Structure formats: structure tokens, C-alpha cells
Amino acid sequence: MKLASLKNGTRDGQLVVVSRDLTQAVATSAIAPTMQLALENWRECEQPLRELYDALNAGEAADSFAFDPRNAMAPLPRSYQFIDGSAFLNHGELMIKAYNLPDKTDSETPILIQRQGDDFRGPHDDYAFPTEADGGDFEGEFAVILDDVPMGVDQRSALDHIKLLTIFNDVSMRGHLLREKQMGFGFIQAKPATVFAPVAVTPDELGDDWRDGRVHLDMHVTRNGEWFGNPNGREMDFSFPQLISHLAYNRNLGAGTIIGSGTVSNRNYEQVGCACLAERRAIETVAHGEPQTPFLKFGETLRFEAKNTAGESIFGAIEHRLVPTAGKAS
């Protein structure tokens, strides 16, 4: 099943079911008007939503219409809790090697950070930031969206609480990162608003590409229409159930909690490239003594998409342009 939230002048948008081929949609108002309400009442809403999805795919859904991803908000436009991980250890290892950083990683303990969930961006919205000196960067990631999770959940049970999957661009401002990292209290200016794909899907939509609590799909990334990388989610060192269980050790997780994988990163980066600008710059630093790829400039366009082996887009594409904040100059 595929779900999206369309712009309708409200903060939470209109929940719609989207056809498997991403061409048609139908509103779900009679079942749940918003994604948050659907997640909070998943047991009651799932079956009627699936029946509507089947009817839409069969061409039998009344009041269906053409799905336009440019009218999509983030699938969950705002979340009570957004947690990002760093579950691909190769990404951190490259940073440590390139910049001689102290190695504080623990192969037994996942890295998680609290993020802001009140200002998610839609997949085709222009992305404004104040100045090119911020060191604009991108990070292609997979994410899970949960229903209510009880404190102390084990990994096996955690898997059952993953209701939806999607992808996002975890925009970063590297010009602020080192300063905030040295302060030791988390990222604020280094991590602005996050951009999500137009669609979130139930795990069964991935078939065998969803296994071991990991998304076994390539994250296709282009910068200004040019290939940047297509690393695969299978190399996630900590699975999503591991991240959930760790996070829920001493707390309940509310329906609508989003957990990110961290930058998708593969050890054969020479062949598959990167999903993150900082990672490529780290690789260049190791190879040449200094980075060669510049940070983002105004006017650039980024695209992120995950496809199955048949070449079908699973979540739709993120494709957005970097622009100056109104009233600001570069």
C-alpha cells in the first residue's frame, strides 16, 4: 500500500492512497483524513485503506484522480518525534580516516540523535537556506514510520511496529557542524529541515527487498542531473529493529515516530559512489590530500529515488532546487 499527504491549506494535508504505479490517487477522508490519525488508529484503518488501495489499482475507486507529486507534502508532514541514526558504519569510518578524528564508535551501540519534526519539506518544494557559506550538503537516507511502540520492546517485536517506509534528504549545513559538535550537545544550525519523498509504503510493497529489517534497494542520487551515487541499503550495520529497540529501552514511542537510517554508505564506494557530499569529500581527502567537490550552490538541483529490480520507483522521487532565503544574499 502506498500513502501520501497532499497540500490542502492545512498543516497536515489530505491523506490519499496512491496507486502502485504512482499515477492515480484517491482521498481517504472517510477512513482517516490525515496520516497521523491513520497511524494512531492503524488497527482500525489498515484494512479499509488496503481495500481502497486494491480498488484504486483495479481502476474501480470512485473519485480517483491523477497523482501529482508536486502537490505532495512529506508523507507525514510533521511528527511528534524524529530520530536520525548513523547505522552505516562505513560513513563514519571514512570521516575518521579523512580528518584524523577520534574513533568513538561502538559496534554494539547504535548512534541516534534527536531531530526536529515540525518542519518537514515536500519532495518538489524549493529549499531555501541563508547563505552558500553555510556549506550546504545532502544525505540520502531510508526511514521507517512507526505506530505506538511500548517501552522495552525487543527487536523481534519492534519489526511489527514498522508500518511505513520512505526515503528522505537529510539536508546538512557543514559550516556549522564542527562548532556544534565541539559544543557536545547535539546539532541545531547544522541540521535544518528535512525533505521527504512524496510517498510512504507498507513494507510488503518492497517484497524481498525488505528483509532483515533493512531496505535492500539502491539509493539513486543525482546532482544537477549527473550521477552522484547509488549505494544500497543492505549494508546497514544496525537494522531498523535494532534502532527501535535501543531507542525504546526506557521510553514509549508514539505513533508517527520517524527513525532514519543515516547516510546510505557502501564499502565499495569506488563503484557505487555516495549518497552524501561530505562522504565524497572525505574520500577525495584520503586520495588527494584535500576535497575537490564543492558544497552546494544556489540554483542546484538534487534528486533522490529508490527503484526495484524492474526499474519501478517505490517512493517516488525527491527533486528539489536550492534557493536563497528571501531577503538574503549569498
C-alpha atoms as a PDB file:
ATOM      1  CA  MET A   1       0.000   0.000   0.000  1.00  0.00           C
ATOM      2  CA  LYS A   2       1.206   3.495  -0.851  1.00  0.00           C
ATOM      3  CA  LEU A   3       0.152   6.642   1.005  1.00  0.00           C
ATOM      4  CA  ALA A   4       0.775  10.358   0.550  1.00  0.00           C
ATOM      5  CA  SER A   5      -0.347  13.675   2.019  1.00  0.00           C
ATOM      6  CA  LEU A   6      -1.457  16.339  -0.446  1.00  0.00           C
ATOM      7  CA  LYS A   7      -1.422  20.087   0.116  1.00  0.00           C
ATOM      8  CA  ASN A   8      -4.844  21.416   1.077  1.00  0.00           C
ATOM      9  CA  GLY A   9      -4.028  24.563   3.037  1.00  0.00           C
ATOM     10  CA  THR A  10      -3.687  22.790   6.388  1.00  0.00           C
ATOM     11  CA  ARG A  11      -0.562  21.765   8.279  1.00  0.00           C
ATOM     12  CA  ASP A  12      -1.262  18.040   7.971  1.00  0.00           C
ATOM     13  CA  GLY A  13      -2.623  17.893   4.436  1.00  0.00           C
ATOM     14  CA  GLN A  14      -5.097  15.409   2.967  1.00  0.00           C
ATOM     15  CA  LEU A  15      -4.205  11.735   3.263  1.00  0.00           C
ATOM     16  CA  VAL A  16      -4.563   9.831  -0.014  1.00  0.00           C
ATOM     17  CA  VAL A  17      -3.932   6.313  -1.210  1.00  0.00           C
ATOM     18  CA  VAL A  18      -1.629   6.261  -4.247  1.00  0.00           C
ATOM     19  CA  SER A  19      -1.639   3.565  -6.930  1.00  0.00           C
ATOM     20  CA  ARG A  20       1.281   1.168  -7.197  1.00  0.00           C
ATOM     21  CA  ASP A  21       2.483   2.868 -10.397  1.00  0.00           C
ATOM     22  CA  LEU A  22       2.243   6.308  -8.729  1.00  0.00           C
ATOM     23  CA  THR A  23      -0.165   7.688 -11.342  1.00  0.00           C
ATOM     24  CA  GLN A  24      -3.515   7.777  -9.504  1.00  0.00           C
ATOM     25  CA  ALA A  25      -4.764   8.706  -6.050  1.00  0.00           C
ATOM     26  CA  VAL A  26      -7.946   8.762  -4.020  1.00  0.00           C
ATOM     27  CA  ALA A  27      -8.720  10.622  -0.792  1.00  0.00           C
ATOM     28  CA  THR A  28      -9.164   8.628   2.407  1.00  0.00           C
ATOM     29  CA  SER A  29     -11.359  11.120   4.255  1.00  0.00           C
ATOM     30  CA  ALA A  30     -13.956   8.546   5.300  1.00  0.00           C
ATOM     31  CA  ILE A  31     -11.236   6.322   6.840  1.00  0.00           C
ATOM     32  CA  ALA A  32      -8.665   8.814   8.159  1.00  0.00           C
ATOM     33  CA  PRO A  33      -8.261  12.399   6.938  1.00  0.00           C
ATOM     34  CA  THR A  34      -4.571  12.628   7.887  1.00  0.00           C
ATOM     35  CA  MET A  35      -1.563  10.341   8.111  1.00  0.00           C
ATOM     36  CA  GLN A  36      -1.164  10.946  11.835  1.00  0.00           C
ATOM     37  CA  LEU A  37      -4.723   9.809  12.547  1.00  0.00           C
ATOM     38  CA  ALA A  38      -4.219   6.720  10.385  1.00  0.00           C
ATOM     39  CA  LEU A  39      -1.063   5.770  12.320  1.00  0.00           C
ATOM     40  CA  GLU A  40      -2.710   6.374  15.685  1.00  0.00           C
ATOM     41  CA  ASN A  41      -5.585   4.100  14.672  1.00  0.00           C
ATOM     42  CA  TRP A  42      -3.701   1.676  12.433  1.00  0.00           C
ATOM     43  CA  ARG A  43      -5.526  -1.468  13.572  1.00  0.00           C
ATOM     44  CA  GLU A  44      -8.862   0.001  12.542  1.00  0.00           C
ATOM     45  CA  CYS A  45      -7.631   1.861   9.457  1.00  0.00           C
ATOM     46  CA  GLU A  46      -5.265  -0.593   7.780  1.00  0.00           C
ATOM     47  CA  GLN A  47      -7.825  -2.966   6.249  1.00  0.00           C
ATOM     48  CA  PRO A  48     -10.132  -0.285   4.797  1.00  0.00           C
ATOM     49  CA  LEU A  49      -7.091   1.542   3.430  1.00  0.00           C
ATOM     50  CA  ARG A  50      -5.868  -1.665   1.791  1.00  0.00           C
ATOM     51  CA  GLU A  51      -9.284  -2.300   0.276  1.00  0.00           C
ATOM     52  CA  LEU A  52      -9.266   1.212  -1.170  1.00  0.00           C
ATOM     53  CA  TYR A  53      -5.742   0.626  -2.490  1.00  0.00           C
ATOM     54  CA  ASP A  54      -6.826  -2.604  -4.215  1.00  0.00           C
ATOM     55  CA  ALA A  55      -9.807  -0.821  -5.775  1.00  0.00           C
ATOM     56  CA  LEU A  56      -7.583   2.009  -6.994  1.00  0.00           C
ATOM     57  CA  ASN A  57      -5.116  -0.387  -8.615  1.00  0.00           C
ATOM     58  CA  ALA A  58      -8.009  -2.200 -10.271  1.00  0.00           C
ATOM     59  CA  GLY A  59      -9.370   1.076 -11.659  1.00  0.00           C
ATOM     60  CA  GLU A  60     -12.502   0.753  -9.552  1.00  0.00           C
ATOM     61  CA  ALA A  61     -12.058   3.513  -6.963  1.00  0.00           C
ATOM     62  CA  ALA A  62     -14.684   6.216  -7.161  1.00  0.00           C
ATOM     63  CA  ASP A  63     -13.443   9.820  -7.225  1.00  0.00           C
ATOM     64  CA  SER A  64      -9.875   8.857  -8.119  1.00  0.00           C
ATOM     65  CA  PHE A  65      -7.680  11.477  -9.783  1.00  0.00           C
ATOM     66  CA  ALA A  66      -4.215  11.883 -11.294  1.00  0.00           C
ATOM     67  CA  PHE A  67      -1.487  11.887  -8.651  1.00  0.00           C
ATOM     68  CA  ASP A  68       0.840  14.885  -8.938  1.00  0.00           C
ATOM     69  CA  PRO A  69       3.912  14.554  -6.679  1.00  0.00           C
ATOM     70  CA  ARG A  70       4.479  18.304  -6.991  1.00  0.00           C
ATOM     71  CA  ASN A  71       1.369  18.737  -4.847  1.00  0.00           C
ATOM     72  CA  ALA A  72       2.666  16.366  -2.177  1.00  0.00           C
ATOM     73  CA  MET A  73       3.816  17.324   1.273  1.00  0.00           C
ATOM     74  CA  ALA A  74       6.046  14.982   3.248  1.00  0.00           C
ATOM     75  CA  PRO A  75       4.005  11.772   3.755  1.00  0.00           C
ATOM     76  CA  LEU A  76       3.840  12.662   7.446  1.00  0.00           C
ATOM     77  CA  PRO A  77       4.057  16.475   7.275  1.00  0.00           C
ATOM     78  CA  ARG A  78       5.040  16.829  10.929  1.00  0.00           C
ATOM     79  CA  SER A  79       5.981  14.292  13.556  1.00  0.00           C
ATOM     80  CA  TYR A  80       5.931  14.281  17.332  1.00  0.00           C
ATOM     81  CA  GLN A  81       9.323  12.581  17.212  1.00  0.00           C
ATOM     82  CA  PHE A  82      12.017  12.334  14.537  1.00  0.00           C
ATOM     83  CA  ILE A  83      15.163  10.376  15.376  1.00  0.00           C
ATOM     84  CA  ASP A  84      18.044  10.022  12.940  1.00  0.00           C
ATOM     85  CA  GLY A  85      20.591   7.247  13.134  1.00  0.00           C
ATOM     86  CA  SER A  86      24.066   6.652  11.802  1.00  0.00           C
ATOM     87  CA  ALA A  87      23.635   2.975  11.068  1.00  0.00           C
ATOM     88  CA  PHE A  88      26.091   2.675   8.167  1.00  0.00           C
ATOM     89  CA  LEU A  89      29.430   2.492   9.976  1.00  0.00           C
ATOM     90  CA  ASN A  90      31.382   2.871   6.743  1.00  0.00           C
ATOM     91  CA  HIS A  91      30.280   6.508   6.556  1.00  0.00           C
ATOM     92  CA  GLY A  92      31.763   7.313   9.965  1.00  0.00           C
ATOM     93  CA  GLU A  93      34.908   5.295   9.267  1.00  0.00           C
ATOM     94  CA  LEU A  94      35.591   7.372   6.162  1.00  0.00           C
ATOM     95  CA  MET A  95      35.203  10.611   8.145  1.00  0.00           C
ATOM     96  CA  ILE A  96      37.540   9.341  10.866  1.00  0.00           C
ATOM     97  CA  LYS A  97      40.152   8.326   8.299  1.00  0.00           C
ATOM     98  CA  ALA A  98      39.949  11.530   6.268  1.00  0.00           C
ATOM     99  CA  TYR A  99      40.087  14.006   9.136  1.00  0.00           C
ATOM    100  CA  ASN A 100      42.012  12.066  11.822  1.00  0.00           C
ATOM    101  CA  LEU A 101      39.042  12.184  14.170  1.00  0.00           C
ATOM    102  CA  PRO A 102      38.968  10.205  17.427  1.00  0.00           C
ATOM    103  CA  ASP A 103      37.173   6.894  16.926  1.00  0.00           C
ATOM    104  CA  LYS A 104      34.351   6.800  19.475  1.00  0.00           C
ATOM    105  CA  THR A 105      32.158   4.315  17.596  1.00  0.00           C
ATOM    106  CA  ASP A 106      30.870   1.203  19.312  1.00  0.00           C
ATOM    107  CA  SER A 107      29.891  -1.713  17.099  1.00  0.00           C
ATOM    108  CA  GLU A 108      27.394  -2.804  19.758  1.00  0.00           C
ATOM    109  CA  THR A 109      25.638   0.526  20.326  1.00  0.00           C
ATOM    110  CA  PRO A 110      23.816   2.422  17.559  1.00  0.00           C
ATOM    111  CA  ILE A 111      24.264   6.161  17.191  1.00  0.00           C
ATOM    112  CA  LEU A 112      20.999   8.132  17.366  1.00  0.00           C
ATOM    113  CA  ILE A 113      20.250  11.834  17.545  1.00  0.00           C
ATOM    114  CA  GLN A 114      17.050  13.739  18.286  1.00  0.00           C
ATOM    115  CA  ARG A 115      15.923  15.869  15.347  1.00  0.00           C
ATOM    116  CA  GLN A 116      13.219  18.437  14.675  1.00  0.00           C
ATOM    117  CA  GLY A 117       9.903  17.117  13.407  1.00  0.00           C
ATOM    118  CA  ASP A 118       7.848  20.289  12.987  1.00  0.00           C
ATOM    119  CA  ASP A 119       9.012  21.482   9.555  1.00  0.00           C
ATOM    120  CA  PHE A 120       9.333  18.667   7.029  1.00  0.00           C
ATOM    121  CA  ARG A 121       9.540  19.732   3.383  1.00  0.00           C
ATOM    122  CA  GLY A 122       7.746  18.296   0.373  1.00  0.00           C
ATOM    123  CA  PRO A 123       9.637  16.458  -2.380  1.00  0.00           C
ATOM    124  CA  HIS A 124       9.440  19.180  -5.029  1.00  0.00           C
ATOM    125  CA  ASP A 125       9.453  22.323  -2.894  1.00  0.00           C
ATOM    126  CA  ASP A 126      12.311  24.784  -3.410  1.00  0.00           C
ATOM    127  CA  TYR A 127      14.735  24.526  -0.488  1.00  0.00           C
ATOM    128  CA  ALA A 128      15.858  27.884   0.903  1.00  0.00           C
ATOM    129  CA  PHE A 129      18.916  28.468   3.056  1.00  0.00           C
ATOM    130  CA  PRO A 130      20.532  31.746   4.144  1.00  0.00           C
ATOM    131  CA  THR A 131      23.972  31.685   2.521  1.00  0.00           C
ATOM    132  CA  GLU A 132      26.248  29.442   0.467  1.00  0.00           C
ATOM    133  CA  ALA A 133      28.812  29.895   3.256  1.00  0.00           C
ATOM    134  CA  ASP A 134      26.657  27.519   5.345  1.00  0.00           C
ATOM    135  CA  GLY A 135      28.277  24.639   3.451  1.00  0.00           C
ATOM    136  CA  GLY A 136      25.082  23.067   2.133  1.00  0.00           C
ATOM    137  CA  ASP A 137      25.163  19.270   1.922  1.00  0.00           C
ATOM    138  CA  PHE A 138      22.770  16.365   1.358  1.00  0.00           C
ATOM    139  CA  GLU A 139      22.371  12.872   2.760  1.00  0.00           C
ATOM    140  CA  GLY A 140      20.163  10.252   1.123  1.00  0.00           C
ATOM    141  CA  GLU A 141      18.530   8.048   3.755  1.00  0.00           C
ATOM    142  CA  PHE A 142      15.841   5.432   4.296  1.00  0.00           C
ATOM    143  CA  ALA A 143      13.288   5.862   7.070  1.00  0.00           C
ATOM    144  CA  VAL A 144      10.640   3.915   8.944  1.00  0.00           C
ATOM    145  CA  ILE A 145       7.427   5.305  10.410  1.00  0.00           C
ATOM    146  CA  LEU A 146       6.013   3.565  13.496  1.00  0.00           C
ATOM    147  CA  ASP A 147       2.752   3.022  15.287  1.00  0.00           C
ATOM    148  CA  ASP A 148       2.703   3.100  19.115  1.00  0.00           C
ATOM    149  CA  VAL A 149       5.729   1.232  20.491  1.00  0.00           C
ATOM    150  CA  PRO A 150       5.890   0.156  24.161  1.00  0.00           C
ATOM    151  CA  MET A 151       8.934   0.753  26.325  1.00  0.00           C
ATOM    152  CA  GLY A 152      11.334  -2.184  26.410  1.00  0.00           C
ATOM    153  CA  VAL A 153      10.269  -3.664  23.073  1.00  0.00           C
ATOM    154  CA  ASP A 154      12.613  -6.391  21.784  1.00  0.00           C
ATOM    155  CA  GLN A 155      13.937  -6.483  18.239  1.00  0.00           C
ATOM    156  CA  ARG A 156      11.544  -9.165  17.000  1.00  0.00           C
ATOM    157  CA  SER A 157       8.513  -7.279  18.257  1.00  0.00           C
ATOM    158  CA  ALA A 158       9.943  -3.956  17.058  1.00  0.00           C
ATOM    159  CA  LEU A 159       9.768  -5.197  13.470  1.00  0.00           C
ATOM    160  CA  ASP A 160       5.978  -5.453  13.724  1.00  0.00           C
ATOM    161  CA  HIS A 161       5.708  -1.779  14.697  1.00  0.00           C
ATOM    162  CA  ILE A 162       7.227  -0.610  11.388  1.00  0.00           C
ATOM    163  CA  LYS A 163       4.148   0.429   9.430  1.00  0.00           C
ATOM    164  CA  LEU A 164       5.633   2.527   6.634  1.00  0.00           C
ATOM    165  CA  LEU A 165       8.915   3.074   4.805  1.00  0.00           C
ATOM    166  CA  THR A 166      10.122   6.074   2.825  1.00  0.00           C
ATOM    167  CA  ILE A 167      13.264   7.990   1.821  1.00  0.00           C
ATOM    168  CA  PHE A 168      14.493  11.463   2.665  1.00  0.00           C
ATOM    169  CA  ASN A 169      17.224  14.016   2.056  1.00  0.00           C
ATOM    170  CA  ASP A 170      18.780  14.882   5.394  1.00  0.00           C
ATOM    171  CA  VAL A 171      19.977  18.382   4.478  1.00  0.00           C
ATOM    172  CA  SER A 172      23.083  19.459   6.404  1.00  0.00           C
ATOM    173  CA  MET A 173      24.968  22.711   6.838  1.00  0.00           C
ATOM    174  CA  ARG A 174      28.597  21.675   7.249  1.00  0.00           C
ATOM    175  CA  GLY A 175      29.682  25.213   8.055  1.00  0.00           C
ATOM    176  CA  HIS A 176      28.044  24.851  11.472  1.00  0.00           C
ATOM    177  CA  LEU A 177      28.672  21.179  12.161  1.00  0.00           C
ATOM    178  CA  LEU A 178      32.169  21.212  13.676  1.00  0.00           C
ATOM    179  CA  ARG A 179      31.367  24.105  16.020  1.00  0.00           C
ATOM    180  CA  GLU A 180      28.210  22.429  17.280  1.00  0.00           C
ATOM    181  CA  LYS A 181      29.906  19.043  17.530  1.00  0.00           C
ATOM    182  CA  GLN A 182      32.621  20.547  19.728  1.00  0.00           C
ATOM    183  CA  MET A 183      29.939  22.022  21.996  1.00  0.00           C
ATOM    184  CA  GLY A 184      28.859  18.447  22.725  1.00  0.00           C
ATOM    185  CA  PHE A 185      25.111  18.959  22.932  1.00  0.00           C
ATOM    186  CA  GLY A 186      23.736  17.998  19.509  1.00  0.00           C
ATOM    187  CA  PHE A 187      23.109  19.721  16.192  1.00  0.00           C
ATOM    188  CA  ILE A 188      20.842  22.738  15.665  1.00  0.00           C
ATOM    189  CA  GLN A 189      22.020  25.019  12.845  1.00  0.00           C
ATOM    190  CA  ALA A 190      23.949  22.157  11.233  1.00  0.00           C
ATOM    191  CA  LYS A 191      20.743  20.197  10.654  1.00  0.00           C
ATOM    192  CA  PRO A 192      17.896  22.272   9.136  1.00  0.00           C
ATOM    193  CA  ALA A 193      14.587  20.984   7.735  1.00  0.00           C
ATOM    194  CA  THR A 194      14.412  17.531   6.170  1.00  0.00           C
ATOM    195  CA  VAL A 195      12.953  16.749   2.726  1.00  0.00           C
ATOM    196  CA  PHE A 196      10.851  13.605   2.236  1.00  0.00           C
ATOM    197  CA  ALA A 197       9.738  11.582  -0.786  1.00  0.00           C
ATOM    198  CA  PRO A 198       6.117  12.016  -1.918  1.00  0.00           C
ATOM    199  CA  VAL A 199       5.044   8.537  -0.859  1.00  0.00           C
ATOM    200  CA  ALA A 200       5.429   6.210   2.122  1.00  0.00           C
ATOM    201  CA  VAL A 201       4.745   2.499   1.603  1.00  0.00           C
ATOM    202  CA  THR A 202       3.924  -0.522   3.699  1.00  0.00           C
ATOM    203  CA  PRO A 203       6.852  -2.971   3.897  1.00  0.00           C
ATOM    204  CA  ASP A 204       5.130  -5.593   1.711  1.00  0.00           C
ATOM    205  CA  GLU A 205       5.428  -3.215  -1.275  1.00  0.00           C
ATOM    206  CA  LEU A 206       9.169  -3.960  -1.321  1.00  0.00           C
ATOM    207  CA  GLY A 207       8.784  -7.741  -1.500  1.00  0.00           C
ATOM    208  CA  ASP A 208      12.158  -9.442  -0.978  1.00  0.00           C
ATOM    209  CA  ASP A 209      13.866  -6.043  -0.950  1.00  0.00           C
ATOM    210  CA  TRP A 210      12.634  -5.652   2.645  1.00  0.00           C
ATOM    211  CA  ARG A 211      14.370  -8.270   4.799  1.00  0.00           C
ATOM    212  CA  ASP A 212      16.458  -8.443   7.968  1.00  0.00           C
ATOM    213  CA  GLY A 213      14.934  -5.100   8.957  1.00  0.00           C
ATOM    214  CA  ARG A 214      16.796  -3.396   6.114  1.00  0.00           C
ATOM    215  CA  VAL A 215      15.857  -1.869   2.758  1.00  0.00           C
ATOM    216  CA  HIS A 216      17.784  -3.762   0.058  1.00  0.00           C
ATOM    217  CA  LEU A 217      17.402  -1.061  -2.580  1.00  0.00           C
ATOM    218  CA  ASP A 218      19.826   1.344  -4.216  1.00  0.00           C
ATOM    219  CA  MET A 219      19.582   4.994  -3.235  1.00  0.00           C
ATOM    220  CA  HIS A 220      19.933   6.750  -6.605  1.00  0.00           C
ATOM    221  CA  VAL A 221      21.328  10.264  -6.173  1.00  0.00           C
ATOM    222  CA  THR A 222      21.958  12.869  -8.872  1.00  0.00           C
ATOM    223  CA  ARG A 223      23.295  16.400  -8.603  1.00  0.00           C
ATOM    224  CA  ASN A 224      22.228  18.718 -11.406  1.00  0.00           C
ATOM    225  CA  GLY A 225      21.231  15.695 -13.466  1.00  0.00           C
ATOM    226  CA  GLU A 226      24.616  13.975 -13.082  1.00  0.00           C
ATOM    227  CA  TRP A 227      25.098  10.659 -11.294  1.00  0.00           C
ATOM    228  CA  PHE A 228      26.436  11.027  -7.766  1.00  0.00           C
ATOM    229  CA  GLY A 229      25.896   7.552  -6.374  1.00  0.00           C
ATOM    230  CA  ASN A 230      23.663   4.542  -5.919  1.00  0.00           C
ATOM    231  CA  PRO A 231      24.696   2.846  -2.651  1.00  0.00           C
ATOM    232  CA  ASN A 232      22.437   0.072  -1.356  1.00  0.00           C
ATOM    233  CA  GLY A 233      20.647  -0.094   1.988  1.00  0.00           C
ATOM    234  CA  ARG A 234      21.638  -3.724   2.586  1.00  0.00           C
ATOM    235  CA  GLU A 235      24.912  -2.691   4.288  1.00  0.00           C
ATOM    236  CA  MET A 236      23.140  -1.071   7.235  1.00  0.00           C
ATOM    237  CA  ASP A 237      25.214  -2.283  10.215  1.00  0.00           C
ATOM    238  CA  PHE A 238      22.330  -1.770  12.651  1.00  0.00           C
ATOM    239  CA  SER A 239      18.889  -2.847  11.411  1.00  0.00           C
ATOM    240  CA  PHE A 240      15.806  -0.723  11.955  1.00  0.00           C
ATOM    241  CA  PRO A 241      14.502  -3.118  14.653  1.00  0.00           C
ATOM    242  CA  GLN A 242      17.824  -2.714  16.462  1.00  0.00           C
ATOM    243  CA  LEU A 243      17.474   1.072  16.334  1.00  0.00           C
ATOM    244  CA  ILE A 244      13.883   0.907  17.575  1.00  0.00           C
ATOM    245  CA  SER A 245      14.685  -1.469  20.429  1.00  0.00           C
ATOM    246  CA  HIS A 246      17.625   0.671  21.534  1.00  0.00           C
ATOM    247  CA  LEU A 247      15.564   3.852  21.436  1.00  0.00           C
ATOM    248  CA  ALA A 248      12.641   2.280  23.310  1.00  0.00           C
ATOM    249  CA  TYR A 249      14.819   0.854  26.092  1.00  0.00           C
ATOM    250  CA  ASN A 250      13.427   3.305  28.649  1.00  0.00           C
ATOM    251  CA  ARG A 251      10.607   5.123  26.850  1.00  0.00           C
ATOM    252  CA  ASN A 252       7.435   4.638  24.861  1.00  0.00           C
ATOM    253  CA  LEU A 253       7.450   5.763  21.229  1.00  0.00           C
ATOM    254  CA  GLY A 254       4.313   7.476  19.980  1.00  0.00           C
ATOM    255  CA  ALA A 255       2.577   6.673  16.714  1.00  0.00           C
ATOM    256  CA  GLY A 256       4.155   8.703  13.933  1.00  0.00           C
ATOM    257  CA  THR A 257       7.700   8.430  15.259  1.00  0.00           C
ATOM    258  CA  ILE A 258      10.148   8.528  12.334  1.00  0.00           C
ATOM    259  CA  ILE A 259      13.565   6.863  12.501  1.00  0.00           C
ATOM    260  CA  GLY A 260      16.209   7.487   9.834  1.00  0.00           C
ATOM    261  CA  SER A 261      18.956   5.103   8.768  1.00  0.00           C
ATOM    262  CA  GLY A 262      21.725   7.639   8.436  1.00  0.00           C
ATOM    263  CA  THR A 263      23.537   8.267   5.170  1.00  0.00           C
ATOM    264  CA  VAL A 264      23.384   5.202   2.924  1.00  0.00           C
ATOM    265  CA  SER A 265      27.015   4.206   2.534  1.00  0.00           C
ATOM    266  CA  ASN A 266      28.738   1.184   0.976  1.00  0.00           C
ATOM    267  CA  ARG A 267      32.293  -0.073   1.346  1.00  0.00           C
ATOM    268  CA  ASN A 268      32.678  -0.449  -2.432  1.00  0.00           C
ATOM    269  CA  TYR A 269      32.199   3.304  -2.859  1.00  0.00           C
ATOM    270  CA  GLU A 270      34.587   3.358  -5.814  1.00  0.00           C
ATOM    271  CA  GLN A 271      31.908   1.520  -7.810  1.00  0.00           C
ATOM    272  CA  VAL A 272      28.640   2.770  -6.307  1.00  0.00           C
ATOM    273  CA  GLY A 273      29.524   6.348  -5.340  1.00  0.00           C
ATOM    274  CA  CYS A 274      27.959   8.169  -2.422  1.00  0.00           C
ATOM    275  CA  ALA A 275      24.649   9.494  -1.141  1.00  0.00           C
ATOM    276  CA  CYS A 276      26.363  12.324   0.724  1.00  0.00           C
ATOM    277  CA  LEU A 277      28.581  15.201  -0.355  1.00  0.00           C
ATOM    278  CA  ALA A 278      30.709  15.132   2.807  1.00  0.00           C
ATOM    279  CA  GLU A 279      31.438  11.458   2.241  1.00  0.00           C
ATOM    280  CA  ARG A 280      32.718  12.096  -1.279  1.00  0.00           C
ATOM    281  CA  ARG A 281      34.846  14.958   0.030  1.00  0.00           C
ATOM    282  CA  ALA A 282      36.288  12.624   2.688  1.00  0.00           C
ATOM    283  CA  ILE A 283      37.165  10.043   0.028  1.00  0.00           C
ATOM    284  CA  GLU A 284      38.852  12.773  -2.031  1.00  0.00           C
ATOM    285  CA  THR A 285      40.781  13.958   1.038  1.00  0.00           C
ATOM    286  CA  VAL A 286      42.140  10.459   1.630  1.00  0.00           C
ATOM    287  CA  ALA A 287      43.078  10.057  -2.038  1.00  0.00           C
ATOM    288  CA  HIS A 288      44.355  13.567  -2.863  1.00  0.00           C
ATOM    289  CA  GLY A 289      45.026  15.308   0.460  1.00  0.00           C
ATOM    290  CA  GLU A 290      42.111  17.710   0.048  1.00  0.00           C
ATOM    291  CA  PRO A 291      38.467  17.700  -1.086  1.00  0.00           C
ATOM    292  CA  GLN A 292      37.726  18.526  -4.708  1.00  0.00           C
ATOM    293  CA  THR A 293      33.920  18.568  -4.849  1.00  0.00           C
ATOM    294  CA  PRO A 294      32.357  21.873  -3.718  1.00  0.00           C
ATOM    295  CA  PHE A 295      29.449  22.265  -1.338  1.00  0.00           C
ATOM    296  CA  LEU A 296      26.049  23.218  -2.725  1.00  0.00           C
ATOM    297  CA  LYS A 297      25.364  26.475  -4.545  1.00  0.00           C
ATOM    298  CA  PHE A 298      22.086  28.284  -5.129  1.00  0.00           C
ATOM    299  CA  GLY A 299      20.295  27.062  -8.231  1.00  0.00           C
ATOM    300  CA  GLU A 300      21.490  23.473  -7.961  1.00  0.00           C
ATOM    301  CA  THR A 301      19.006  20.593  -8.204  1.00  0.00           C
ATOM    302  CA  LEU A 302      19.160  17.327  -6.248  1.00  0.00           C
ATOM    303  CA  ARG A 303      17.268  14.110  -6.960  1.00  0.00           C
ATOM    304  CA  PHE A 304      16.832  11.001  -4.786  1.00  0.00           C
ATOM    305  CA  GLU A 305      14.952   7.854  -5.783  1.00  0.00           C
ATOM    306  CA  ALA A 306      14.821   4.140  -4.951  1.00  0.00           C
ATOM    307  CA  LYS A 307      13.753   1.637  -7.600  1.00  0.00           C
ATOM    308  CA  ASN A 308      13.199  -2.117  -7.596  1.00  0.00           C
ATOM    309  CA  THR A 309      14.864  -4.566  -9.984  1.00  0.00           C
ATOM    310  CA  ALA A 310      12.109  -3.921 -12.528  1.00  0.00           C
ATOM    311  CA  GLY A 311      13.057  -0.233 -12.545  1.00  0.00           C
ATOM    312  CA  GLU A 312       9.848   0.841 -10.803  1.00  0.00           C
ATOM    313  CA  SER A 313      10.020   3.807  -8.440  1.00  0.00           C
ATOM    314  CA  ILE A 314       8.911   2.721  -4.980  1.00  0.00           C
ATOM    315  CA  PHE A 315       8.504   6.019  -3.092  1.00  0.00           C
ATOM    316  CA  GLY A 316       8.503   8.477  -5.971  1.00  0.00           C
ATOM    317  CA  ALA A 317      11.374  10.919  -6.338  1.00  0.00           C
ATOM    318  CA  ILE A 318      12.634  13.819  -4.296  1.00  0.00           C
ATOM    319  CA  GLU A 319      13.697  16.517  -6.744  1.00  0.00           C
ATOM    320  CA  HIS A 320      14.254  19.962  -5.347  1.00  0.00           C
ATOM    321  CA  ARG A 321      16.172  23.136  -6.091  1.00  0.00           C
ATOM    322  CA  LEU A 322      18.392  25.125  -3.704  1.00  0.00           C
ATOM    323  CA  VAL A 323      17.440  28.807  -3.442  1.00  0.00           C
ATOM    324  CA  PRO A 324      18.391  31.755  -1.201  1.00  0.00           C
ATOM    325  CA  THR A 325      16.217  32.584   1.759  1.00  0.00           C
ATOM    326  CA  ALA A 326      14.003  35.555   0.883  1.00  0.00           C
ATOM    327  CA  GLY A 327      15.853  38.813   1.524  1.00  0.00           C
ATOM    328  CA  LYS A 328      19.238  37.072   1.850  1.00  0.00           C
ATOM    329  CA  ALA A 329      22.218  37.274  -0.456  1.00  0.00           C
ATOM    330  CA  SER A 330      24.934  34.674  -0.977  1.00  0.00           C
END
